[in-house]
Every structure is written in structure tokens, then in C-alpha cells.
Amino acid sequence: MPALVAMRFNPDLKAKYDQLNAAGKAPKVAITAIMRQLIVLANTLQAGQKMGAILYLTNADTLARESSTIEGVS
């Protein structure tokens, strides 16, 4: 159920789901991939590596924007 909600409200996870569907993956397989990404995010957040989890779930364009913003702050 959390994977379904994440696909609906998180644009990056929605894009990943759409990408997998476009590649011919079954909907259940795509949802399972989203579940795995949520588990990785939860484990990373729990371990205290918040920035790594955020960057893991972003797509390449978003990653490039955040990377330049983070470097500008440092």
C-alpha cells in the first residue's frame, strides 16, 4: 500500500514506475521495484544518511540541480 501512495504523490517514483511500464514490465513488477526503493530509503534514513537517501531516489536532472545547490552552500 505505501508503494501505491508513493507512486501517486512522489513525482520521481511515479516517473520510475512509468519508465518500467514503458519498458514492458508487468505492473506488479514495477510496484515491487517501487517497494524496494522505499525500503532502501527507510534503511538509509534510519542509518542517519539522510542526504544519500534523498539523492538515491531522485532522477538525473533533479540530482544535477541538487548537486549544484549543495556545492554552492558548502
C-alpha atoms as a PDB file:
ATOM      1  CA  MET A   1       0.000   0.000   0.000  1.00  0.00           C
ATOM      2  CA  PRO A   2       2.775   2.552   0.746  1.00  0.00           C
ATOM      3  CA  ALA A   3       4.243   1.918  -2.702  1.00  0.00           C
ATOM      4  CA  LEU A   4       0.922   2.798  -4.330  1.00  0.00           C
ATOM      5  CA  VAL A   5       0.700   6.054  -2.372  1.00  0.00           C
ATOM      6  CA  ALA A   6       4.330   6.883  -3.139  1.00  0.00           C
ATOM      7  CA  MET A   7       3.734   6.321  -6.852  1.00  0.00           C
ATOM      8  CA  ARG A   8       0.776   8.668  -6.730  1.00  0.00           C
ATOM      9  CA  PHE A   9       2.329  11.570  -4.835  1.00  0.00           C
ATOM     10  CA  ASN A  10       6.100  11.333  -5.429  1.00  0.00           C
ATOM     11  CA  PRO A  11       6.967  12.561  -8.936  1.00  0.00           C
ATOM     12  CA  ASP A  12      10.317  10.723  -9.036  1.00  0.00           C
ATOM     13  CA  LEU A  13       8.782   7.388  -8.064  1.00  0.00           C
ATOM     14  CA  LYS A  14       5.905   7.959 -10.488  1.00  0.00           C
ATOM     15  CA  ALA A  15       8.431   8.575 -13.274  1.00  0.00           C
ATOM     16  CA  LYS A  16      10.276   5.368 -12.336  1.00  0.00           C
ATOM     17  CA  TYR A  17       7.009   3.403 -12.395  1.00  0.00           C
ATOM     18  CA  ASP A  18       6.072   4.859 -15.790  1.00  0.00           C
ATOM     19  CA  GLN A  19       9.569   4.074 -17.112  1.00  0.00           C
ATOM     20  CA  LEU A  20       9.287   0.443 -16.034  1.00  0.00           C
ATOM     21  CA  ASN A  21       5.815   0.124 -17.573  1.00  0.00           C
ATOM     22  CA  ALA A  22       7.054   1.658 -20.817  1.00  0.00           C
ATOM     23  CA  ALA A  23       9.866  -0.912 -20.847  1.00  0.00           C
ATOM     24  CA  GLY A  24       7.242  -3.663 -20.829  1.00  0.00           C
ATOM     25  CA  LYS A  25       7.453  -4.699 -17.183  1.00  0.00           C
ATOM     26  CA  ALA A  26       4.297  -6.029 -15.570  1.00  0.00           C
ATOM     27  CA  PRO A  27       2.565  -3.595 -13.187  1.00  0.00           C
ATOM     28  CA  LYS A  28       3.253  -5.873 -10.206  1.00  0.00           C
ATOM     29  CA  VAL A  29       6.956  -5.939 -11.059  1.00  0.00           C
ATOM     30  CA  ALA A  30       7.039  -2.134 -11.307  1.00  0.00           C
ATOM     31  CA  ILE A  31       5.254  -1.787  -7.953  1.00  0.00           C
ATOM     32  CA  THR A  32       7.754  -4.218  -6.411  1.00  0.00           C
ATOM     33  CA  ALA A  33      10.611  -2.033  -7.675  1.00  0.00           C
ATOM     34  CA  ILE A  34       8.986   0.984  -6.008  1.00  0.00           C
ATOM     35  CA  MET A  35       8.623  -1.038  -2.782  1.00  0.00           C
ATOM     36  CA  ARG A  36      12.328  -1.835  -2.897  1.00  0.00           C
ATOM     37  CA  GLN A  37      13.224   1.829  -3.356  1.00  0.00           C
ATOM     38  CA  LEU A  38      11.079   2.731  -0.340  1.00  0.00           C
ATOM     39  CA  ILE A  39      12.827   0.076   1.766  1.00  0.00           C
ATOM     40  CA  VAL A  40      16.239   1.386   0.732  1.00  0.00           C
ATOM     41  CA  LEU A  41      15.110   4.920   1.599  1.00  0.00           C
ATOM     42  CA  ALA A  42      13.808   3.830   5.016  1.00  0.00           C
ATOM     43  CA  ASN A  43      17.030   1.950   5.815  1.00  0.00           C
ATOM     44  CA  THR A  44      19.180   4.883   4.756  1.00  0.00           C
ATOM     45  CA  LEU A  45      17.128   7.393   6.738  1.00  0.00           C
ATOM     46  CA  GLN A  46      17.236   5.126   9.789  1.00  0.00           C
ATOM     47  CA  ALA A  47      21.015   4.860   9.486  1.00  0.00           C
ATOM     48  CA  GLY A  48      21.274   8.653   9.571  1.00  0.00           C
ATOM     49  CA  GLN A  49      22.439   9.131   5.995  1.00  0.00           C
ATOM     50  CA  LYS A  50      19.580  11.419   5.009  1.00  0.00           C
ATOM     51  CA  MET A  51      21.256  13.135   2.050  1.00  0.00           C
ATOM     52  CA  GLY A  52      22.235   9.818   0.482  1.00  0.00           C
ATOM     53  CA  ALA A  53      18.636   8.585   0.627  1.00  0.00           C
ATOM     54  CA  ILE A  54      17.299  11.757  -0.903  1.00  0.00           C
ATOM     55  CA  LEU A  55      19.829  11.667  -3.722  1.00  0.00           C
ATOM     56  CA  TYR A  56      19.193   7.958  -4.351  1.00  0.00           C
ATOM     57  CA  LEU A  57      15.530   8.495  -5.163  1.00  0.00           C
ATOM     58  CA  THR A  58      15.954  11.497  -7.431  1.00  0.00           C
ATOM     59  CA  ASN A  59      16.291  11.264 -11.173  1.00  0.00           C
ATOM     60  CA  ALA A  60      19.366  12.519 -13.034  1.00  0.00           C
ATOM     61  CA  ASP A  61      18.013  16.014 -13.745  1.00  0.00           C
ATOM     62  CA  THR A  62      16.961  16.604 -10.157  1.00  0.00           C
ATOM     63  CA  LEU A  63      20.261  15.170  -8.934  1.00  0.00           C
ATOM     64  CA  ALA A  64      22.220  17.634 -11.060  1.00  0.00           C
ATOM     65  CA  ARG A  65      20.214  20.596  -9.726  1.00  0.00           C
ATOM     66  CA  GLU A  66      20.573  19.490  -6.090  1.00  0.00           C
ATOM     67  CA  SER A  67      24.263  18.800  -6.551  1.00  0.00           C
ATOM     68  CA  SER A  68      24.934  22.328  -7.800  1.00  0.00           C
ATOM     69  CA  THR A  69      22.815  23.783  -4.973  1.00  0.00           C
ATOM     70  CA  ILE A  70      24.627  21.726  -2.333  1.00  0.00           C
ATOM     71  CA  GLU A  71      28.042  22.714  -3.685  1.00  0.00           C
ATOM     72  CA  GLY A  72      27.004  26.377  -3.625  1.00  0.00           C
ATOM     73  CA  VAL A  73      26.042  26.131   0.066  1.00  0.00           C
ATOM     74  CA  SER A  74      29.226  24.396   1.222  1.00  0.00           C
END
